[in-house]
């Protein structure tokens, strides 16, 4: 099963409070930006014109890949969503 197929079996309960917050200053100095290519849900996007990283947390699969690949420790906060929020996998 690939990521696209998994997304067909997922649902999200979106919290108004983001569970991941990145330090934009650290991200602006990053040359690798591994999060933009490693995130299987494509939640990270680097804007060259704004020189800013955007993160869309409402599609996050909560896998932790971004946290692992970030060499600069740019995360101010990385935690799982509060109880009752986030991704729900339905594999049946």
PDB file of N, CA and C in Angstrom:
ATOM      1  N   UNK A   1       0.851  -1.169   0.000  1.00  0.00           N
ATOM      2  CA  UNK A   1       0.000   0.000   0.000  1.00  0.00           C
ATOM      3  C   UNK A   1       0.899   1.235   0.000  1.00  0.00           C
ATOM      4  N   UNK A   2       0.625   2.193  -0.883  1.00  0.00           N
ATOM      5  CA  UNK A   2       1.421   3.417  -0.933  1.00  0.00           C
ATOM      6  C   UNK A   2       0.703   4.550  -0.182  1.00  0.00           C
ATOM      7  N   UNK A   3       1.367   5.688  -0.077  1.00  0.00           N
ATOM      8  CA  UNK A   3       0.828   6.811   0.696  1.00  0.00           C
ATOM      9  C   UNK A   3      -0.507   7.285   0.148  1.00  0.00           C
ATOM     10  N   UNK A   4      -0.633   7.361  -1.161  1.00  0.00           N
ATOM     11  CA  UNK A   4      -1.890   7.820  -1.754  1.00  0.00           C
ATOM     12  C   UNK A   4      -3.051   6.899  -1.365  1.00  0.00           C
ATOM     13  N   UNK A   5      -2.798   5.595  -1.333  1.00  0.00           N
ATOM     14  CA  UNK A   5      -3.847   4.658  -0.936  1.00  0.00           C
ATOM     15  C   UNK A   5      -4.182   4.790   0.548  1.00  0.00           C
ATOM     16  N   UNK A   6      -3.169   5.027   1.355  1.00  0.00           N
ATOM     17  CA  UNK A   6      -3.405   5.216   2.791  1.00  0.00           C
ATOM     18  C   UNK A   6      -4.269   6.450   3.020  1.00  0.00           C
ATOM     19  N   UNK A   7      -4.013   7.510   2.255  1.00  0.00           N
ATOM     20  CA  UNK A   7      -4.794   8.734   2.421  1.00  0.00           C
ATOM     21  C   UNK A   7      -6.267   8.521   2.099  1.00  0.00           C
ATOM     22  N   UNK A   8      -6.569   7.556   1.247  1.00  0.00           N
ATOM     23  CA  UNK A   8      -7.965   7.234   0.953  1.00  0.00           C
ATOM     24  C   UNK A   8      -8.679   6.654   2.165  1.00  0.00           C
ATOM     25  N   UNK A   9      -7.920   6.097   3.091  1.00  0.00           N
ATOM     26  CA  UNK A   9      -8.487   5.455   4.274  1.00  0.00           C
ATOM     27  C   UNK A   9      -8.292   6.268   5.549  1.00  0.00           C
ATOM     28  N   UNK A  10      -8.007   7.534   5.416  1.00  0.00           N
ATOM     29  CA  UNK A  10      -7.788   8.362   6.598  1.00  0.00           C
ATOM     30  C   UNK A  10      -8.836   9.453   6.708  1.00  0.00           C
ATOM     31  N   UNK A  11      -9.028   9.896   7.920  1.00  0.00           N
ATOM     32  CA  UNK A  11      -9.868  11.058   8.153  1.00  0.00           C
ATOM     33  C   UNK A  11      -9.160  11.933   9.179  1.00  0.00           C
ATOM     34  N   UNK A  12      -9.499  13.198   9.186  1.00  0.00           N
ATOM     35  CA  UNK A  12      -8.834  14.153  10.066  1.00  0.00           C
ATOM     36  C   UNK A  12      -9.880  14.914  10.871  1.00  0.00           C
ATOM     37  N   UNK A  13      -9.606  15.057  12.151  1.00  0.00           N
ATOM     38  CA  UNK A  13     -10.386  15.933  13.006  1.00  0.00           C
ATOM     39  C   UNK A  13      -9.456  17.096  13.337  1.00  0.00           C
ATOM     40  N   UNK A  14      -9.719  18.224  12.743  1.00  0.00           N
ATOM     41  CA  UNK A  14      -8.800  19.357  12.805  1.00  0.00           C
ATOM     42  C   UNK A  14      -8.982  20.138  14.104  1.00  0.00           C
ATOM     43  N   UNK A  15      -7.861  20.365  14.778  1.00  0.00           N
ATOM     44  CA  UNK A  15      -7.829  21.185  15.984  1.00  0.00           C
ATOM     45  C   UNK A  15      -7.487  22.612  15.578  1.00  0.00           C
ATOM     46  N   UNK A  16      -8.028  23.581  16.248  1.00  0.00           N
ATOM     47  CA  UNK A  16      -7.705  24.975  15.936  1.00  0.00           C
ATOM     48  C   UNK A  16      -6.288  25.321  16.391  1.00  0.00           C
ATOM     49  N   UNK A  17      -5.728  24.535  17.297  1.00  0.00           N
ATOM     50  CA  UNK A  17      -4.379  24.756  17.814  1.00  0.00           C
ATOM     51  C   UNK A  17      -3.399  23.833  17.076  1.00  0.00           C
ATOM     52  N   UNK A  18      -2.397  24.378  16.377  1.00  0.00           N
ATOM     53  CA  UNK A  18      -1.447  23.520  15.663  1.00  0.00           C
ATOM     54  C   UNK A  18      -0.614  22.688  16.635  1.00  0.00           C
ATOM     55  N   UNK A  19      -0.356  21.461  16.262  1.00  0.00           N
ATOM     56  CA  UNK A  19       0.452  20.583  17.109  1.00  0.00           C
ATOM     57  C   UNK A  19       1.932  20.654  16.754  1.00  0.00           C
ATOM     58  N   UNK A  20       2.240  21.298  15.639  1.00  0.00           N
ATOM     59  CA  UNK A  20       3.626  21.496  15.219  1.00  0.00           C
ATOM     60  C   UNK A  20       3.831  22.979  14.930  1.00  0.00           C
ATOM     61  N   UNK A  21       4.882  23.530  15.516  1.00  0.00           N
ATOM     62  CA  UNK A  21       5.244  24.927  15.273  1.00  0.00           C
ATOM     63  C   UNK A  21       6.737  24.958  14.961  1.00  0.00           C
ATOM     64  N   UNK A  22       7.091  25.619  13.864  1.00  0.00           N
ATOM     65  CA  UNK A  22       8.495  25.715  13.476  1.00  0.00           C
ATOM     66  C   UNK A  22       9.017  27.133  13.699  1.00  0.00           C
ATOM     67  N   UNK A  23      10.309  27.222  13.947  1.00  0.00           N
ATOM     68  CA  UNK A  23      10.980  28.507  14.128  1.00  0.00           C
ATOM     69  C   UNK A  23      11.349  29.026  12.744  1.00  0.00           C
ATOM     70  N   UNK A  24      10.645  30.036  12.275  1.00  0.00           N
ATOM     71  CA  UNK A  24      10.855  30.567  10.931  1.00  0.00           C
ATOM     72  C   UNK A  24      12.261  31.127  10.732  1.00  0.00           C
ATOM     73  N   UNK A  25      12.881  31.632  11.777  1.00  0.00           N
ATOM     74  CA  UNK A  25      14.239  32.149  11.677  1.00  0.00           C
ATOM     75  C   UNK A  25      15.213  31.029  11.353  1.00  0.00           C
ATOM     76  N   UNK A  26      15.068  29.915  12.035  1.00  0.00           N
ATOM     77  CA  UNK A  26      15.927  28.755  11.779  1.00  0.00           C
ATOM     78  C   UNK A  26      15.665  28.208  10.376  1.00  0.00           C
ATOM     79  N   UNK A  27      14.408  28.137   9.981  1.00  0.00           N
ATOM     80  CA  UNK A  27      14.058  27.625   8.655  1.00  0.00           C
ATOM     81  C   UNK A  27      14.612  28.504   7.539  1.00  0.00           C
ATOM     82  N   UNK A  28      14.612  29.799   7.740  1.00  0.00           N
ATOM     83  CA  UNK A  28      15.112  30.715   6.713  1.00  0.00           C
ATOM     84  C   UNK A  28      16.602  30.516   6.469  1.00  0.00           C
ATOM     85  N   UNK A  29      17.333  30.093   7.484  1.00  0.00           N
ATOM     86  CA  UNK A  29      18.775  29.876   7.352  1.00  0.00           C
ATOM     87  C   UNK A  29      19.112  28.473   6.851  1.00  0.00           C
ATOM     88  N   UNK A  30      18.134  27.613   6.755  1.00  0.00           N
ATOM     89  CA  UNK A  30      18.355  26.222   6.336  1.00  0.00           C
ATOM     90  C   UNK A  30      18.653  26.156   4.841  1.00  0.00           C
ATOM     91  N   UNK A  31      19.619  25.351   4.478  1.00  0.00           N
ATOM     92  CA  UNK A  31      19.938  25.173   3.063  1.00  0.00           C
ATOM     93  C   UNK A  31      19.397  23.859   2.513  1.00  0.00           C
ATOM     94  N   UNK A  32      19.145  22.898   3.374  1.00  0.00           N
ATOM     95  CA  UNK A  32      18.706  21.574   2.942  1.00  0.00           C
ATOM     96  C   UNK A  32      17.190  21.491   2.753  1.00  0.00           C
ATOM     97  N   UNK A  33      16.447  21.986   3.720  1.00  0.00           N
ATOM     98  CA  UNK A  33      14.972  21.949   3.718  1.00  0.00           C
ATOM     99  C   UNK A  33      14.435  20.550   3.448  1.00  0.00           C
ATOM    100  N   UNK A  34      14.982  19.581   4.164  1.00  0.00           N
ATOM    101  CA  UNK A  34      14.605  18.178   3.977  1.00  0.00           C
ATOM    102  C   UNK A  34      13.132  17.930   4.265  1.00  0.00           C
ATOM    103  N   UNK A  35      12.541  18.716   5.136  1.00  0.00           N
ATOM    104  CA  UNK A  35      11.128  18.519   5.476  1.00  0.00           C
ATOM    105  C   UNK A  35      10.228  18.677   4.251  1.00  0.00           C
ATOM    106  N   UNK A  36      10.624  19.536   3.312  1.00  0.00           N
ATOM    107  CA  UNK A  36       9.784  19.780   2.143  1.00  0.00           C
ATOM    108  C   UNK A  36       9.732  18.594   1.192  1.00  0.00           C
ATOM    109  N   UNK A  37      10.735  17.737   1.242  1.00  0.00           N
ATOM    110  CA  UNK A  37      10.732  16.561   0.375  1.00  0.00           C
ATOM    111  C   UNK A  37      10.446  15.272   1.133  1.00  0.00           C
ATOM    112  N   UNK A  38      10.695  15.255   2.428  1.00  0.00           N
ATOM    113  CA  UNK A  38      10.538  14.021   3.199  1.00  0.00           C
ATOM    114  C   UNK A  38       9.125  13.788   3.716  1.00  0.00           C
ATOM    115  N   UNK A  39       8.361  14.834   3.929  1.00  0.00           N
ATOM    116  CA  UNK A  39       7.008  14.688   4.480  1.00  0.00           C
ATOM    117  C   UNK A  39       6.128  13.923   3.492  1.00  0.00           C
ATOM    118  N   UNK A  40       5.627  12.749   3.875  1.00  0.00           N
ATOM    119  CA  UNK A  40       4.813  11.970   2.933  1.00  0.00           C
ATOM    120  C   UNK A  40       3.476  12.614   2.597  1.00  0.00           C
ATOM    121  N   UNK A  41       3.007  13.513   3.439  1.00  0.00           N
ATOM    122  CA  UNK A  41       1.728  14.184   3.177  1.00  0.00           C
ATOM    123  C   UNK A  41       1.915  15.516   2.463  1.00  0.00           C
ATOM    124  N   UNK A  42       3.153  15.942   2.266  1.00  0.00           N
ATOM    125  CA  UNK A  42       3.420  17.202   1.585  1.00  0.00           C
ATOM    126  C   UNK A  42       2.968  18.417   2.367  1.00  0.00           C
ATOM    127  N   UNK A  43       3.129  18.365   3.688  1.00  0.00           N
ATOM    128  CA  UNK A  43       2.648  19.452   4.544  1.00  0.00           C
ATOM    129  C   UNK A  43       3.556  20.676   4.552  1.00  0.00           C
ATOM    130  N   UNK A  44       4.811  20.526   4.107  1.00  0.00           N
ATOM    131  CA  UNK A  44       5.776  21.622   4.151  1.00  0.00           C
ATOM    132  C   UNK A  44       6.027  22.163   2.756  1.00  0.00           C
ATOM    133  N   UNK A  45       6.104  23.490   2.652  1.00  0.00           N
ATOM    134  CA  UNK A  45       6.364  24.131   1.379  1.00  0.00           C
ATOM    135  C   UNK A  45       7.246  25.356   1.607  1.00  0.00           C
ATOM    136  N   UNK A  46       8.335  25.445   0.840  1.00  0.00           N
ATOM    137  CA  UNK A  46       9.214  26.600   0.941  1.00  0.00           C
ATOM    138  C   UNK A  46       8.863  27.589  -0.154  1.00  0.00           C
ATOM    139  N   UNK A  47       8.590  28.825   0.234  1.00  0.00           N
ATOM    140  CA  UNK A  47       8.291  29.888  -0.719  1.00  0.00           C
ATOM    141  C   UNK A  47       9.575  30.672  -0.972  1.00  0.00           C
ATOM    142  N   UNK A  48      10.087  30.578  -2.175  1.00  0.00           N
ATOM    143  CA  UNK A  48      11.308  31.320  -2.518  1.00  0.00           C
ATOM    144  C   UNK A  48      11.063  32.819  -2.510  1.00  0.00           C
ATOM    145  N   UNK A  49       9.906  33.227  -2.967  1.00  0.00           N
ATOM    146  CA  UNK A  49       9.629  34.666  -3.032  1.00  0.00           C
ATOM    147  C   UNK A  49       9.506  35.288  -1.641  1.00  0.00           C
ATOM    148  N   UNK A  50       8.882  34.559  -0.711  1.00  0.00           N
ATOM    149  CA  UNK A  50       8.720  35.061   0.660  1.00  0.00           C
ATOM    150  C   UNK A  50       9.866  34.649   1.571  1.00  0.00           C
ATOM    151  N   UNK A  51      10.682  33.688   1.108  1.00  0.00           N
ATOM    152  CA  UNK A  51      11.731  33.086   1.929  1.00  0.00           C
ATOM    153  C   UNK A  51      11.160  32.638   3.266  1.00  0.00           C
ATOM    154  N   UNK A  52      10.124  31.842   3.157  1.00  0.00           N
ATOM    155  CA  UNK A  52       9.386  31.395   4.345  1.00  0.00           C
ATOM    156  C   UNK A  52       8.870  29.973   4.142  1.00  0.00           C
ATOM    157  N   UNK A  53       8.908  29.216   5.216  1.00  0.00           N
ATOM    158  CA  UNK A  53       8.382  27.858   5.207  1.00  0.00           C
ATOM    159  C   UNK A  53       6.936  27.888   5.675  1.00  0.00           C
ATOM    160  N   UNK A  54       6.058  27.260   4.926  1.00  0.00           N
ATOM    161  CA  UNK A  54       4.672  27.142   5.384  1.00  0.00           C
ATOM    162  C   UNK A  54       4.409  25.688   5.748  1.00  0.00           C
ATOM    163  N   UNK A  55       3.566  25.496   6.729  1.00  0.00           N
ATOM    164  CA  UNK A  55       3.217  24.165   7.201  1.00  0.00           C
ATOM    165  C   UNK A  55       1.710  24.088   7.342  1.00  0.00           C
ATOM    166  N   UNK A  56       1.121  23.088   6.718  1.00  0.00           N
ATOM    167  CA  UNK A  56      -0.323  22.880   6.794  1.00  0.00           C
ATOM    168  C   UNK A  56      -0.548  21.673   7.700  1.00  0.00           C
ATOM    169  N   UNK A  57      -0.857  21.936   8.954  1.00  0.00           N
ATOM    170  CA  UNK A  57      -0.938  20.855   9.927  1.00  0.00           C
ATOM    171  C   UNK A  57      -2.207  20.022   9.813  1.00  0.00           C
ATOM    172  N   UNK A  58      -3.217  20.514   9.115  1.00  0.00           N
ATOM    173  CA  UNK A  58      -4.474  19.765   9.059  1.00  0.00           C
ATOM    174  C   UNK A  58      -4.396  18.520   8.180  1.00  0.00           C
ATOM    175  N   UNK A  59      -3.315  18.328   7.436  1.00  0.00           N
ATOM    176  CA  UNK A  59      -3.139  17.113   6.635  1.00  0.00           C
ATOM    177  C   UNK A  59      -2.018  16.233   7.176  1.00  0.00           C
ATOM    178  N   UNK A  60      -1.496  16.563   8.343  1.00  0.00           N
ATOM    179  CA  UNK A  60      -0.355  15.855   8.928  1.00  0.00           C
ATOM    180  C   UNK A  60      -0.712  14.408   9.265  1.00  0.00           C
ATOM    181  N   UNK A  61       0.163  13.480   8.872  1.00  0.00           N
ATOM    182  CA  UNK A  61      -0.035  12.058   9.164  1.00  0.00           C
ATOM    183  C   UNK A  61       0.564  11.661  10.510  1.00  0.00           C
ATOM    184  N   UNK A  62       1.208  12.602  11.199  1.00  0.00           N
ATOM    185  CA  UNK A  62       1.777  12.390  12.533  1.00  0.00           C
ATOM    186  C   UNK A  62       2.832  11.297  12.556  1.00  0.00           C
ATOM    187  N   UNK A  63       3.603  11.190  11.486  1.00  0.00           N
ATOM    188  CA  UNK A  63       4.605  10.126  11.385  1.00  0.00           C
ATOM    189  C   UNK A  63       5.939  10.497  12.019  1.00  0.00           C
ATOM    190  N   UNK A  64       6.222  11.797  12.161  1.00  0.00           N
ATOM    191  CA  UNK A  64       7.470  12.247  12.770  1.00  0.00           C
ATOM    192  C   UNK A  64       8.636  12.380  11.809  1.00  0.00           C
ATOM    193  N   UNK A  65       8.417  12.144  10.538  1.00  0.00           N
ATOM    194  CA  UNK A  65       9.503  12.231   9.564  1.00  0.00           C
ATOM    195  C   UNK A  65      10.146  13.607   9.568  1.00  0.00           C
ATOM    196  N   UNK A  66       9.361  14.655   9.596  1.00  0.00           N
ATOM    197  CA  UNK A  66       9.899  16.016   9.581  1.00  0.00           C
ATOM    198  C   UNK A  66      10.811  16.262  10.776  1.00  0.00           C
ATOM    199  N   UNK A  67      10.421  15.769  11.914  1.00  0.00           N
ATOM    200  CA  UNK A  67      11.202  15.957  13.139  1.00  0.00           C
ATOM    201  C   UNK A  67      12.547  15.249  13.036  1.00  0.00           C
ATOM    202  N   UNK A  68      12.543  14.085  12.441  1.00  0.00           N
ATOM    203  CA  UNK A  68      13.768  13.298  12.314  1.00  0.00           C
ATOM    204  C   UNK A  68      14.725  13.910  11.300  1.00  0.00           C
ATOM    205  N   UNK A  69      14.219  14.373  10.161  1.00  0.00           N
ATOM    206  CA  UNK A  69      15.100  14.870   9.101  1.00  0.00           C
ATOM    207  C   UNK A  69      15.580  16.303   9.317  1.00  0.00           C
ATOM    208  N   UNK A  70      15.001  17.022  10.254  1.00  0.00           N
ATOM    209  CA  UNK A  70      15.402  18.411  10.489  1.00  0.00           C
ATOM    210  C   UNK A  70      16.749  18.441  11.216  1.00  0.00           C
ATOM    211  N   UNK A  71      17.789  18.787  10.471  1.00  0.00           N
ATOM    212  CA  UNK A  71      19.140  18.822  11.046  1.00  0.00           C
ATOM    213  C   UNK A  71      19.359  20.029  11.951  1.00  0.00           C
ATOM    214  N   UNK A  72      18.540  21.069  11.791  1.00  0.00           N
ATOM    215  CA  UNK A  72      18.737  22.314  12.533  1.00  0.00           C
ATOM    216  C   UNK A  72      17.868  22.438  13.778  1.00  0.00           C
ATOM    217  N   UNK A  73      17.076  21.426  14.059  1.00  0.00           N
ATOM    218  CA  UNK A  73      16.188  21.443  15.238  1.00  0.00           C
ATOM    219  C   UNK A  73      15.312  22.697  15.230  1.00  0.00           C
ATOM    220  N   UNK A  74      14.628  22.912  14.119  1.00  0.00           N
ATOM    221  CA  UNK A  74      13.820  24.116  13.926  1.00  0.00           C
ATOM    222  C   UNK A  74      12.465  24.058  14.612  1.00  0.00           C
ATOM    223  N   UNK A  75      12.146  22.953  15.236  1.00  0.00           N
ATOM    224  CA  UNK A  75      10.821  22.825  15.820  1.00  0.00           C
ATOM    225  C   UNK A  75      10.759  23.459  17.197  1.00  0.00           C
ATOM    226  N   UNK A  76       9.890  24.446  17.312  1.00  0.00           N
ATOM    227  CA  UNK A  76       9.597  25.035  18.615  1.00  0.00           C
ATOM    228  C   UNK A  76       8.754  24.036  19.405  1.00  0.00           C
ATOM    229  N   UNK A  77       7.844  23.394  18.675  1.00  0.00           N
ATOM    230  CA  UNK A  77       7.018  22.359  19.302  1.00  0.00           C
ATOM    231  C   UNK A  77       6.690  21.300  18.261  1.00  0.00           C
ATOM    232  N   UNK A  78       6.873  20.054  18.645  1.00  0.00           N
ATOM    233  CA  UNK A  78       6.410  18.920  17.849  1.00  0.00           C
ATOM    234  C   UNK A  78       5.813  17.945  18.851  1.00  0.00           C
ATOM    235  N   UNK A  79       4.521  17.778  18.745  1.00  0.00           N
ATOM    236  CA  UNK A  79       3.826  16.831  19.624  1.00  0.00           C
ATOM    237  C   UNK A  79       2.657  16.266  18.846  1.00  0.00           C
ATOM    238  N   UNK A  80       2.083  15.242  19.368  1.00  0.00           N
ATOM    239  CA  UNK A  80       0.876  14.711  18.741  1.00  0.00           C
ATOM    240  C   UNK A  80      -0.295  15.634  19.082  1.00  0.00           C
ATOM    241  N   UNK A  81      -1.316  15.667  18.249  1.00  0.00           N
ATOM    242  CA  UNK A  81      -2.475  16.520  18.544  1.00  0.00           C
ATOM    243  C   UNK A  81      -3.144  16.133  19.858  1.00  0.00           C
ATOM    244  N   UNK A  82      -3.874  17.076  20.400  1.00  0.00           N
ATOM    245  CA  UNK A  82      -4.626  16.804  21.630  1.00  0.00           C
ATOM    246  C   UNK A  82      -5.599  15.663  21.402  1.00  0.00           C
ATOM    247  N   UNK A  83      -6.002  15.020  22.473  1.00  0.00           N
ATOM    248  CA  UNK A  83      -6.935  13.901  22.394  1.00  0.00           C
ATOM    249  C   UNK A  83      -8.186  14.231  21.613  1.00  0.00           C
ATOM    250  N   UNK A  84      -8.552  13.332  20.704  1.00  0.00           N
ATOM    251  CA  UNK A  84      -9.742  13.527  19.894  1.00  0.00           C
ATOM    252  C   UNK A  84      -9.492  14.253  18.588  1.00  0.00           C
ATOM    253  N   UNK A  85      -8.265  14.769  18.402  1.00  0.00           N
ATOM    254  CA  UNK A  85      -7.920  15.497  17.183  1.00  0.00           C
ATOM    255  C   UNK A  85      -6.824  14.761  16.426  1.00  0.00           C
ATOM    256  N   UNK A  86      -6.651  15.146  15.171  1.00  0.00           N
ATOM    257  CA  UNK A  86      -5.579  14.587  14.356  1.00  0.00           C
ATOM    258  C   UNK A  86      -6.089  13.572  13.367  1.00  0.00           C
ATOM    259  N   UNK A  87      -5.185  12.720  12.940  1.00  0.00           N
ATOM    260  CA  UNK A  87      -5.480  11.747  11.892  1.00  0.00           C
ATOM    261  C   UNK A  87      -6.087  10.475  12.496  1.00  0.00           C
ATOM    262  N   UNK A  88      -6.995   9.874  11.758  1.00  0.00           N
ATOM    263  CA  UNK A  88      -7.579   8.569  12.122  1.00  0.00           C
ATOM    264  C   UNK A  88      -7.418   7.667  10.914  1.00  0.00           C
ATOM    265  N   UNK A  89      -6.748   6.546  11.120  1.00  0.00           N
ATOM    266  CA  UNK A  89      -6.541   5.590  10.041  1.00  0.00           C
ATOM    267  C   UNK A  89      -7.642   4.551  10.086  1.00  0.00           C
ATOM    268  N   UNK A  90      -8.243   4.285   8.951  1.00  0.00           N
ATOM    269  CA  UNK A  90      -9.275   3.259   8.833  1.00  0.00           C
ATOM    270  C   UNK A  90      -8.819   2.267   7.784  1.00  0.00           C
ATOM    271  N   UNK A  91      -8.206   1.203   8.183  1.00  0.00           N
ATOM    272  CA  UNK A  91      -7.647   0.247   7.223  1.00  0.00           C
ATOM    273  C   UNK A  91      -8.608  -0.864   6.877  1.00  0.00           C
ATOM    274  N   UNK A  92      -9.867  -0.724   7.237  1.00  0.00           N
ATOM    275  CA  UNK A  92     -10.840  -1.778   6.905  1.00  0.00           C
ATOM    276  C   UNK A  92     -11.892  -1.245   5.966  1.00  0.00           C
TER     277      UNK A  92
END
